[in-house]
Amino acid sequence: MQNLKLDILSDPICPWCLIGKTWLDRALEQRPNHPFLIEWHPFQLNPDMPTQGMERRAYLEAKFGGKDGAIAVYSQIEQAAKSAGIDIDWSKITRTPNTLNAHRLIHWAGLEGRQTAAKSALMNGYFRQGLDIGDPEVLADIAASIELDREMIARLLASDADVEEIRARDAHTRERGVTGVPTFVIANAHALPGAQSTDMWLKIIDDIAAQSTAENGAPQ
């Protein structure tokens, strides 16, 4: 089966991105010969977030128009997470971080072939451990946990390395019309906004395989 690029626009603090990644991962596990070459791309849910982040409750109430609005939105998220078998420890998440540095780490991990590992570690740290993934020390520890050079990552985080590149890529995505994540783009041609179910991904993979077989002729 021909390899196809699967570009994923996502933010590691986005709960729907976690749900979408989980459903995709399950499909890929069931189809180990899938055609996708995955690359993660930066999209900040809150590009204007202060560098030090915000207290989570204050952030949610400001974003969703008060306590009741935040509860309504997150009750839907909680239901979807539970249906996907995802355990999120909301009680541990006390701050909403600025994710610019987290996206820098994902970028650097990609240079070492560890991009998906970085994404997984960041999401696990945030949603299950309540880590402040805007904190450079936390990010350096996460880098070490996925076999990156901790001291090198710490030095990069202390610099402005790739800050403008990440911001430019984020801005370019918005200029192309993306307003929310996750967004999946298959072969630079077909965009799928929102978390897609495992069954949907299985159908997509099987349709690609059938099309590839038809184009190349049935195996003898």
Foldseek 3Di string as FASTA:
>chain_A
DAAWEKEWEDFLVDLLQVLLVLQLVVLCVVVVVFRYDYDYAYAWPCQPAPLAFAFVVVVQCVVQVHDVRSCVVVVVSVVSCVVSVHDFDPVLAGTDHGCLLLRVLLVVCVVVVCNVVSSVLSNCCCGPVNDRNSDLVVSLVSCVVSPHDSVVSSVCSVDCPCSVVNVVRNVVVVVVPDDDDGWIQIRVPDIDHTRDGNVVSNVVRVVVVVVVCVVVDPDD
